[in-house]
Amino acid sequence: MADGSASVEGATTIAADRLRSFIERVERLEEDKAAVMNDIKEVYAEAKGEGYDVKTLRQVVKIRKMEKADRQEQEALLDLYLSAIGEA
């Protein structure tokens, strides 16, 4: 008859290895993300150096990510709110 504690220890080792694998994958992805964020920062700095307004560039990137209907709804609400406070 096999010892039950050996199978529990084996399962625990396997679970620990799997957990370590997940953690290491996340850590590698975090490193990749940091590198990409640095690259993005450099692109914005380059654009700024050529006279472009970085705040506006960021807004354009954000808008381009949106679905057309969502963007139109957001613009309509913005217009409505500005009209409501007498700013339009």
PDB file of N, CA and C in Angstrom:
ATOM      1  N   MET A   1       0.827  -1.182   0.000  1.00  0.00           N
ATOM      2  CA  MET A   1       0.000   0.000   0.000  1.00  0.00           C
ATOM      3  C   MET A   1       0.880   1.258   0.000  1.00  0.00           C
ATOM      4  N   ALA A   2       0.535   2.239  -0.794  1.00  0.00           N
ATOM      5  CA  ALA A   2       1.325   3.461  -0.905  1.00  0.00           C
ATOM      6  C   ALA A   2       1.004   4.390   0.250  1.00  0.00           C
ATOM      7  N   ASP A   3       2.000   5.134   0.639  1.00  0.00           N
ATOM      8  CA  ASP A   3       1.836   6.098   1.724  1.00  0.00           C
ATOM      9  C   ASP A   3       1.077   7.317   1.196  1.00  0.00           C
ATOM     10  N   GLY A   4      -0.022   7.678   1.843  1.00  0.00           N
ATOM     11  CA  GLY A   4      -0.842   8.814   1.414  1.00  0.00           C
ATOM     12  C   GLY A   4      -0.119  10.140   1.531  1.00  0.00           C
ATOM     13  N   SER A   5       0.797  10.262   2.478  1.00  0.00           N
ATOM     14  CA  SER A   5       1.504  11.533   2.652  1.00  0.00           C
ATOM     15  C   SER A   5       2.425  11.822   1.484  1.00  0.00           C
ATOM     16  N   ALA A   6       2.950  10.800   0.838  1.00  0.00           N
ATOM     17  CA  ALA A   6       3.829  11.007  -0.317  1.00  0.00           C
ATOM     18  C   ALA A   6       3.060  11.611  -1.474  1.00  0.00           C
ATOM     19  N   SER A   7       1.827  11.133  -1.691  1.00  0.00           N
ATOM     20  CA  SER A   7       1.039  11.688  -2.792  1.00  0.00           C
ATOM     21  C   SER A   7       0.601  13.117  -2.493  1.00  0.00           C
ATOM     22  N   VAL A   8       0.350  13.432  -1.236  1.00  0.00           N
ATOM     23  CA  VAL A   8      -0.010  14.804  -0.854  1.00  0.00           C
ATOM     24  C   VAL A   8       1.185  15.722  -1.077  1.00  0.00           C
ATOM     25  N   GLU A   9       2.375  15.249  -0.668  1.00  0.00           N
ATOM     26  CA  GLU A   9       3.580  16.053  -0.873  1.00  0.00           C
ATOM     27  C   GLU A   9       3.843  16.261  -2.363  1.00  0.00           C
ATOM     28  N   GLY A  10       3.631  15.226  -3.157  1.00  0.00           N
ATOM     29  CA  GLY A  10       3.817  15.350  -4.601  1.00  0.00           C
ATOM     30  C   GLY A  10       2.849  16.338  -5.208  1.00  0.00           C
ATOM     31  N   ALA A  11       1.595  16.277  -4.772  1.00  0.00           N
ATOM     32  CA  ALA A  11       0.587  17.220  -5.270  1.00  0.00           C
ATOM     33  C   ALA A  11       0.930  18.635  -4.844  1.00  0.00           C
ATOM     34  N   THR A  12       1.418  18.785  -3.610  1.00  0.00           N
ATOM     35  CA  THR A  12       1.805  20.110  -3.113  1.00  0.00           C
ATOM     36  C   THR A  12       2.965  20.662  -3.931  1.00  0.00           C
ATOM     37  N   THR A  13       3.933  19.816  -4.254  1.00  0.00           N
ATOM     38  CA  THR A  13       5.078  20.236  -5.063  1.00  0.00           C
ATOM     39  C   THR A  13       4.627  20.649  -6.454  1.00  0.00           C
ATOM     40  N   ILE A  14       3.741  19.875  -7.039  1.00  0.00           N
ATOM     41  CA  ILE A  14       3.225  20.210  -8.366  1.00  0.00           C
ATOM     42  C   ILE A  14       2.471  21.530  -8.326  1.00  0.00           C
ATOM     43  N   ALA A  15       1.627  21.724  -7.305  1.00  0.00           N
ATOM     44  CA  ALA A  15       0.877  22.974  -7.175  1.00  0.00           C
ATOM     45  C   ALA A  15       1.822  24.154  -6.981  1.00  0.00           C
ATOM     46  N   ALA A  16       2.857  23.966  -6.173  1.00  0.00           N
ATOM     47  CA  ALA A  16       3.826  25.039  -5.939  1.00  0.00           C
ATOM     48  C   ALA A  16       4.580  25.376  -7.226  1.00  0.00           C
ATOM     49  N   ASP A  17       4.942  24.348  -7.988  1.00  0.00           N
ATOM     50  CA  ASP A  17       5.633  24.574  -9.263  1.00  0.00           C
ATOM     51  C   ASP A  17       4.739  25.332 -10.233  1.00  0.00           C
ATOM     52  N   ARG A  18       3.479  24.951 -10.269  1.00  0.00           N
ATOM     53  CA  ARG A  18       2.534  25.620 -11.176  1.00  0.00           C
ATOM     54  C   ARG A  18       2.346  27.075 -10.762  1.00  0.00           C
ATOM     55  N   LEU A  19       2.216  27.318  -9.457  1.00  0.00           N
ATOM     56  CA  LEU A  19       2.080  28.674  -8.947  1.00  0.00           C
ATOM     57  C   LEU A  19       3.315  29.500  -9.282  1.00  0.00           C
ATOM     58  N   ARG A  20       4.501  28.922  -9.083  1.00  0.00           N
ATOM     59  CA  ARG A  20       5.749  29.614  -9.416  1.00  0.00           C
ATOM     60  C   ARG A  20       5.782  29.964 -10.907  1.00  0.00           C
ATOM     61  N   SER A  21       5.300  29.050 -11.733  1.00  0.00           N
ATOM     62  CA  SER A  21       5.264  29.283 -13.173  1.00  0.00           C
ATOM     63  C   SER A  21       4.385  30.488 -13.519  1.00  0.00           C
ATOM     64  N   PHE A  22       3.208  30.551 -12.900  1.00  0.00           N
ATOM     65  CA  PHE A  22       2.319  31.699 -13.137  1.00  0.00           C
ATOM     66  C   PHE A  22       2.988  33.004 -12.719  1.00  0.00           C
ATOM     67  N   ILE A  23       3.587  32.985 -11.541  1.00  0.00           N
ATOM     68  CA  ILE A  23       4.223  34.196 -11.020  1.00  0.00           C
ATOM     69  C   ILE A  23       5.365  34.641 -11.926  1.00  0.00           C
ATOM     70  N   GLU A  24       6.187  33.708 -12.374  1.00  0.00           N
ATOM     71  CA  GLU A  24       7.303  34.061 -13.251  1.00  0.00           C
ATOM     72  C   GLU A  24       6.820  34.595 -14.593  1.00  0.00           C
ATOM     73  N   ARG A  25       5.736  34.027 -15.111  1.00  0.00           N
ATOM     74  CA  ARG A  25       5.180  34.534 -16.374  1.00  0.00           C
ATOM     75  C   ARG A  25       4.683  35.962 -16.210  1.00  0.00           C
ATOM     76  N   VAL A  26       4.001  36.219 -15.101  1.00  0.00           N
ATOM     77  CA  VAL A  26       3.509  37.580 -14.848  1.00  0.00           C
ATOM     78  C   VAL A  26       4.677  38.542 -14.702  1.00  0.00           C
ATOM     79  N   GLU A  27       5.712  38.120 -13.997  1.00  0.00           N
ATOM     80  CA  GLU A  27       6.892  38.978 -13.833  1.00  0.00           C
ATOM     81  C   GLU A  27       7.538  39.309 -15.180  1.00  0.00           C
ATOM     82  N   ARG A  28       7.651  38.329 -16.063  1.00  0.00           N
ATOM     83  CA  ARG A  28       8.218  38.588 -17.396  1.00  0.00           C
ATOM     84  C   ARG A  28       7.339  39.563 -18.182  1.00  0.00           C
ATOM     85  N   LEU A  29       6.035  39.367 -18.086  1.00  0.00           N
ATOM     86  CA  LEU A  29       5.119  40.272 -18.794  1.00  0.00           C
ATOM     87  C   LEU A  29       5.186  41.686 -18.222  1.00  0.00           C
ATOM     88  N   GLU A  30       5.337  41.793 -16.908  1.00  0.00           N
ATOM     89  CA  GLU A  30       5.494  43.121 -16.291  1.00  0.00           C
ATOM     90  C   GLU A  30       6.761  43.808 -16.807  1.00  0.00           C
ATOM     91  N   GLU A  31       7.836  43.045 -16.968  1.00  0.00           N
ATOM     92  CA  GLU A  31       9.067  43.603 -17.527  1.00  0.00           C
ATOM     93  C   GLU A  31       8.841  44.071 -18.964  1.00  0.00           C
ATOM     94  N   ASP A  32       8.148  43.248 -19.747  1.00  0.00           N
ATOM     95  CA  ASP A  32       7.839  43.622 -21.130  1.00  0.00           C
ATOM     96  C   ASP A  32       6.981  44.884 -21.165  1.00  0.00           C
ATOM     97  N   LYS A  33       6.001  44.944 -20.269  1.00  0.00           N
ATOM     98  CA  LYS A  33       5.110  46.106 -20.212  1.00  0.00           C
ATOM     99  C   LYS A  33       5.900  47.369 -19.883  1.00  0.00           C
ATOM    100  N   ALA A  34       6.826  47.264 -18.936  1.00  0.00           N
ATOM    101  CA  ALA A  34       7.652  48.417 -18.574  1.00  0.00           C
ATOM    102  C   ALA A  34       8.479  48.885 -19.764  1.00  0.00           C
ATOM    103  N   ALA A  35       9.014  47.932 -20.533  1.00  0.00           N
ATOM    104  CA  ALA A  35       9.807  48.294 -21.717  1.00  0.00           C
ATOM    105  C   ALA A  35       8.937  48.985 -22.760  1.00  0.00           C
ATOM    106  N   VAL A  36       7.728  48.479 -22.977  1.00  0.00           N
ATOM    107  CA  VAL A  36       6.814  49.087 -23.946  1.00  0.00           C
ATOM    108  C   VAL A  36       6.401  50.485 -23.477  1.00  0.00           C
ATOM    109  N   MET A  37       6.110  50.624 -22.193  1.00  0.00           N
ATOM    110  CA  MET A  37       5.733  51.945 -21.667  1.00  0.00           C
ATOM    111  C   MET A  37       6.873  52.948 -21.859  1.00  0.00           C
ATOM    112  N   ASN A  38       8.097  52.496 -21.682  1.00  0.00           N
ATOM    113  CA  ASN A  38       9.243  53.371 -21.902  1.00  0.00           C
ATOM    114  C   ASN A  38       9.345  53.762 -23.376  1.00  0.00           C
ATOM    115  N   ASP A  39       9.096  52.810 -24.270  1.00  0.00           N
ATOM    116  CA  ASP A  39       9.112  53.103 -25.706  1.00  0.00           C
ATOM    117  C   ASP A  39       8.045  54.135 -26.062  1.00  0.00           C
ATOM    118  N   ILE A  40       6.861  53.992 -25.499  1.00  0.00           N
ATOM    119  CA  ILE A  40       5.768  54.945 -25.749  1.00  0.00           C
ATOM    120  C   ILE A  40       6.170  56.333 -25.250  1.00  0.00           C
ATOM    121  N   LYS A  41       6.761  56.378 -24.075  1.00  0.00           N
ATOM    122  CA  LYS A  41       7.221  57.652 -23.500  1.00  0.00           C
ATOM    123  C   LYS A  41       8.222  58.328 -24.436  1.00  0.00           C
ATOM    124  N   GLU A  42       9.119  57.537 -24.997  1.00  0.00           N
ATOM    125  CA  GLU A  42      10.115  58.084 -25.922  1.00  0.00           C
ATOM    126  C   GLU A  42       9.472  58.628 -27.192  1.00  0.00           C
ATOM    127  N   VAL A  43       8.439  57.953 -27.693  1.00  0.00           N
ATOM    128  CA  VAL A  43       7.740  58.434 -28.898  1.00  0.00           C
ATOM    129  C   VAL A  43       7.065  59.773 -28.604  1.00  0.00           C
ATOM    130  N   TYR A  44       6.406  59.868 -27.449  1.00  0.00           N
ATOM    131  CA  TYR A  44       5.775  61.142 -27.078  1.00  0.00           C
ATOM    132  C   TYR A  44       6.822  62.247 -26.911  1.00  0.00           C
ATOM    133  N   ALA A  45       7.975  61.913 -26.334  1.00  0.00           N
ATOM    134  CA  ALA A  45       9.042  62.905 -26.174  1.00  0.00           C
ATOM    135  C   ALA A  45       9.558  63.362 -27.534  1.00  0.00           C
ATOM    136  N   GLU A  46       9.676  62.424 -28.472  1.00  0.00           N
ATOM    137  CA  GLU A  46      10.113  62.771 -29.821  1.00  0.00           C
ATOM    138  C   GLU A  46       9.098  63.690 -30.499  1.00  0.00           C
ATOM    139  N   ALA A  47       7.825  63.365 -30.356  1.00  0.00           N
ATOM    140  CA  ALA A  47       6.767  64.197 -30.945  1.00  0.00           C
ATOM    141  C   ALA A  47       6.790  65.593 -30.322  1.00  0.00           C
ATOM    142  N   LYS A  48       6.962  65.648 -29.010  1.00  0.00           N
ATOM    143  CA  LYS A  48       7.033  66.942 -28.327  1.00  0.00           C
ATOM    144  C   LYS A  48       8.215  67.747 -28.833  1.00  0.00           C
ATOM    145  N   GLY A  49       9.336  67.063 -29.055  1.00  0.00           N
ATOM    146  CA  GLY A  49      10.530  67.728 -29.566  1.00  0.00           C
ATOM    147  C   GLY A  49      10.323  68.323 -30.953  1.00  0.00           C
ATOM    148  N   GLU A  50       9.372  67.779 -31.686  1.00  0.00           N
ATOM    149  CA  GLU A  50       9.069  68.301 -33.015  1.00  0.00           C
ATOM    150  C   GLU A  50       7.907  69.289 -32.992  1.00  0.00           C
ATOM    151  N   GLY A  51       7.453  69.650 -31.779  1.00  0.00           N
ATOM    152  CA  GLY A  51       6.456  70.701 -31.659  1.00  0.00           C
ATOM    153  C   GLY A  51       5.011  70.238 -31.516  1.00  0.00           C
ATOM    154  N   TYR A  52       4.783  68.959 -31.431  1.00  0.00           N
ATOM    155  CA  TYR A  52       3.415  68.460 -31.273  1.00  0.00           C
ATOM    156  C   TYR A  52       3.003  68.534 -29.808  1.00  0.00           C
ATOM    157  N   ASP A  53       1.722  68.754 -29.576  1.00  0.00           N
ATOM    158  CA  ASP A  53       1.178  68.821 -28.233  1.00  0.00           C
ATOM    159  C   ASP A  53       0.881  67.395 -27.755  1.00  0.00           C
ATOM    160  N   VAL A  54       1.623  66.949 -26.755  1.00  0.00           N
ATOM    161  CA  VAL A  54       1.524  65.574 -26.280  1.00  0.00           C
ATOM    162  C   VAL A  54       0.151  65.291 -25.670  1.00  0.00           C
ATOM    163  N   LYS A  55      -0.407  66.240 -24.955  1.00  0.00           N
ATOM    164  CA  LYS A  55      -1.728  66.055 -24.348  1.00  0.00           C
ATOM    165  C   LYS A  55      -2.773  65.774 -25.429  1.00  0.00           C
ATOM    166  N   THR A  56      -2.697  66.492 -26.519  1.00  0.00           N
ATOM    167  CA  THR A  56      -3.628  66.278 -27.626  1.00  0.00           C
ATOM    168  C   THR A  56      -3.370  64.947 -28.313  1.00  0.00           C
ATOM    169  N   LEU A  57      -2.101  64.591 -28.490  1.00  0.00           N
ATOM    170  CA  LEU A  57      -1.770  63.293 -29.088  1.00  0.00           C
ATOM    171  C   LEU A  57      -2.349  62.148 -28.257  1.00  0.00           C
ATOM    172  N   ARG A  58      -2.217  62.240 -26.941  1.00  0.00           N
ATOM    173  CA  ARG A  58      -2.763  61.203 -26.060  1.00  0.00           C
ATOM    174  C   ARG A  58      -4.287  61.107 -26.208  1.00  0.00           C
ATOM    175  N   GLN A  59      -4.921  62.261 -26.342  1.00  0.00           N
ATOM    176  CA  GLN A  59      -6.374  62.285 -26.508  1.00  0.00           C
ATOM    177  C   GLN A  59      -6.775  61.646 -27.840  1.00  0.00           C
ATOM    178  N   VAL A  60      -6.022  61.918 -28.896  1.00  0.00           N
ATOM    179  CA  VAL A  60      -6.305  61.321 -30.204  1.00  0.00           C
ATOM    180  C   VAL A  60      -6.155  59.795 -30.132  1.00  0.00           C
ATOM    181  N   VAL A  61      -5.106  59.327 -29.475  1.00  0.00           N
ATOM    182  CA  VAL A  61      -4.900  57.875 -29.327  1.00  0.00           C
ATOM    183  C   VAL A  61      -6.080  57.265 -28.572  1.00  0.00           C
ATOM    184  N   LYS A  62      -6.504  57.919 -27.509  1.00  0.00           N
ATOM    185  CA  LYS A  62      -7.639  57.433 -26.713  1.00  0.00           C
ATOM    186  C   LYS A  62      -8.912  57.379 -27.552  1.00  0.00           C
ATOM    187  N   ILE A  63      -9.152  58.413 -28.322  1.00  0.00           N
ATOM    188  CA  ILE A  63     -10.356  58.484 -29.156  1.00  0.00           C
ATOM    189  C   ILE A  63     -10.330  57.401 -30.234  1.00  0.00           C
ATOM    190  N   ARG A  64      -9.174  57.179 -30.830  1.00  0.00           N
ATOM    191  CA  ARG A  64      -9.076  56.176 -31.897  1.00  0.00           C
ATOM    192  C   ARG A  64      -9.326  54.758 -31.394  1.00  0.00           C
ATOM    193  N   LYS A  65      -9.120  54.521 -30.101  1.00  0.00           N
ATOM    194  CA  LYS A  65      -9.395  53.212 -29.519  1.00  0.00           C
ATOM    195  C   LYS A  65     -10.891  52.958 -29.352  1.00  0.00           C
ATOM    196  N   MET A  66     -11.667  54.020 -29.305  1.00  0.00           N
ATOM    197  CA  MET A  66     -13.094  53.904 -29.022  1.00  0.00           C
ATOM    198  C   MET A  66     -13.882  53.483 -30.258  1.00  0.00           C
ATOM    199  N   GLU A  67     -14.973  52.797 -30.018  1.00  0.00           N
ATOM    200  CA  GLU A  67     -15.917  52.505 -31.100  1.00  0.00           C
ATOM    201  C   GLU A  67     -16.559  53.812 -31.528  1.00  0.00           C
ATOM    202  N   LYS A  68     -16.915  53.910 -32.799  1.00  0.00           N
ATOM    203  CA  LYS A  68     -17.478  55.140 -33.329  1.00  0.00           C
ATOM    204  C   LYS A  68     -18.742  55.558 -32.575  1.00  0.00           C
ATOM    205  N   ALA A  69     -19.625  54.619 -32.289  1.00  0.00           N
ATOM    206  CA  ALA A  69     -20.870  54.938 -31.582  1.00  0.00           C
ATOM    207  C   ALA A  69     -20.588  55.441 -30.173  1.00  0.00           C
ATOM    208  N   ASP A  70     -19.634  54.830 -29.491  1.00  0.00           N
ATOM    209  CA  ASP A  70     -19.274  55.277 -28.144  1.00  0.00           C
ATOM    210  C   ASP A  70     -18.687  56.678 -28.174  1.00  0.00           C
ATOM    211  N   ARG A  71     -17.847  56.935 -29.162  1.00  0.00           N
ATOM    212  CA  ARG A  71     -17.249  58.264 -29.297  1.00  0.00           C
ATOM    213  C   ARG A  71     -18.321  59.309 -29.561  1.00  0.00           C
ATOM    214  N   GLN A  72     -19.259  58.995 -30.452  1.00  0.00           N
ATOM    215  CA  GLN A  72     -20.333  59.938 -30.757  1.00  0.00           C
ATOM    216  C   GLN A  72     -21.202  60.200 -29.527  1.00  0.00           C
ATOM    217  N   GLU A  73     -21.480  59.155 -28.765  1.00  0.00           N
ATOM    218  CA  GLU A  73     -22.279  59.325 -27.553  1.00  0.00           C
ATOM    219  C   GLU A  73     -21.544  60.214 -26.551  1.00  0.00           C
ATOM    220  N   GLN A  74     -20.262  59.984 -26.387  1.00  0.00           N
ATOM    221  CA  GLN A  74     -19.478  60.787 -25.455  1.00  0.00           C
ATOM    222  C   GLN A  74     -19.424  62.253 -25.901  1.00  0.00           C
ATOM    223  N   GLU A  75     -19.245  62.482 -27.198  1.00  0.00           N
ATOM    224  CA  GLU A  75     -19.215  63.848 -27.715  1.00  0.00           C
ATOM    225  C   GLU A  75     -20.559  64.535 -27.517  1.00  0.00           C
ATOM    226  N   ALA A  76     -21.661  63.804 -27.745  1.00  0.00           N
ATOM    227  CA  ALA A  76     -22.996  64.376 -27.559  1.00  0.00           C
ATOM    228  C   ALA A  76     -23.231  64.743 -26.097  1.00  0.00           C
ATOM    229  N   LEU A  77     -22.814  63.873 -25.190  1.00  0.00           N
ATOM    230  CA  LEU A  77     -22.971  64.175 -23.765  1.00  0.00           C
ATOM    231  C   LEU A  77     -22.122  65.370 -23.356  1.00  0.00           C
ATOM    232  N   LEU A  78     -20.914  65.449 -23.883  1.00  0.00           N
ATOM    233  CA  LEU A  78     -20.055  66.588 -23.595  1.00  0.00           C
ATOM    234  C   LEU A  78     -20.715  67.881 -24.068  1.00  0.00           C
ATOM    235  N   ASP A  79     -21.235  67.887 -25.285  1.00  0.00           N
ATOM    236  CA  ASP A  79     -21.931  69.056 -25.812  1.00  0.00           C
ATOM    237  C   ASP A  79     -23.136  69.404 -24.947  1.00  0.00           C
ATOM    238  N   LEU A  80     -23.896  68.393 -24.550  1.00  0.00           N
ATOM    239  CA  LEU A  80     -25.075  68.615 -23.701  1.00  0.00           C
ATOM    240  C   LEU A  80     -24.680  69.241 -22.379  1.00  0.00           C
ATOM    241  N   TYR A  81     -23.655  68.706 -21.739  1.00  0.00           N
ATOM    242  CA  TYR A  81     -23.224  69.226 -20.432  1.00  0.00           C
ATOM    243  C   TYR A  81     -22.704  70.647 -20.556  1.00  0.00           C
ATOM    244  N   LEU A  82     -21.926  70.912 -21.607  1.00  0.00           N
ATOM    245  CA  LEU A  82     -21.411  72.263 -21.809  1.00  0.00           C
ATOM    246  C   LEU A  82     -22.545  73.249 -22.076  1.00  0.00           C
ATOM    247  N   SER A  83     -23.550  72.830 -22.853  1.00  0.00           N
ATOM    248  CA  SER A  83     -24.707  73.682 -23.096  1.00  0.00           C
ATOM    249  C   SER A  83     -25.462  73.939 -21.806  1.00  0.00           C
ATOM    250  N   ALA A  84     -25.589  72.913 -20.973  1.00  0.00           N
ATOM    251  CA  ALA A  84     -26.334  73.050 -19.722  1.00  0.00           C
ATOM    252  C   ALA A  84     -25.705  74.069 -18.785  1.00  0.00           C
ATOM    253  N   ILE A  85     -24.385  74.220 -18.849  1.00  0.00           N
ATOM    254  CA  ILE A  85     -23.733  75.201 -17.977  1.00  0.00           C
ATOM    255  C   ILE A  85     -23.387  76.498 -18.689  1.00  0.00           C
ATOM    256  N   GLY A  86     -23.896  76.632 -19.923  1.00  0.00           N
ATOM    257  CA  GLY A  86     -23.718  77.868 -20.678  1.00  0.00           C
ATOM    258  C   GLY A  86     -22.345  78.050 -21.263  1.00  0.00           C
ATOM    259  N   GLU A  87     -21.643  76.972 -21.530  1.00  0.00           N
ATOM    260  CA  GLU A  87     -20.281  77.033 -22.064  1.00  0.00           C
ATOM    261  C   GLU A  87     -20.206  76.702 -23.542  1.00  0.00           C
ATOM    262  N   ALA A  88     -21.308  76.357 -24.151  1.00  0.00           N
ATOM    263  CA  ALA A  88     -21.270  75.951 -25.561  1.00  0.00           C
ATOM    264  C   ALA A  88     -21.629  77.093 -26.468  1.00  0.00           C
TER     265      ALA A  88
END
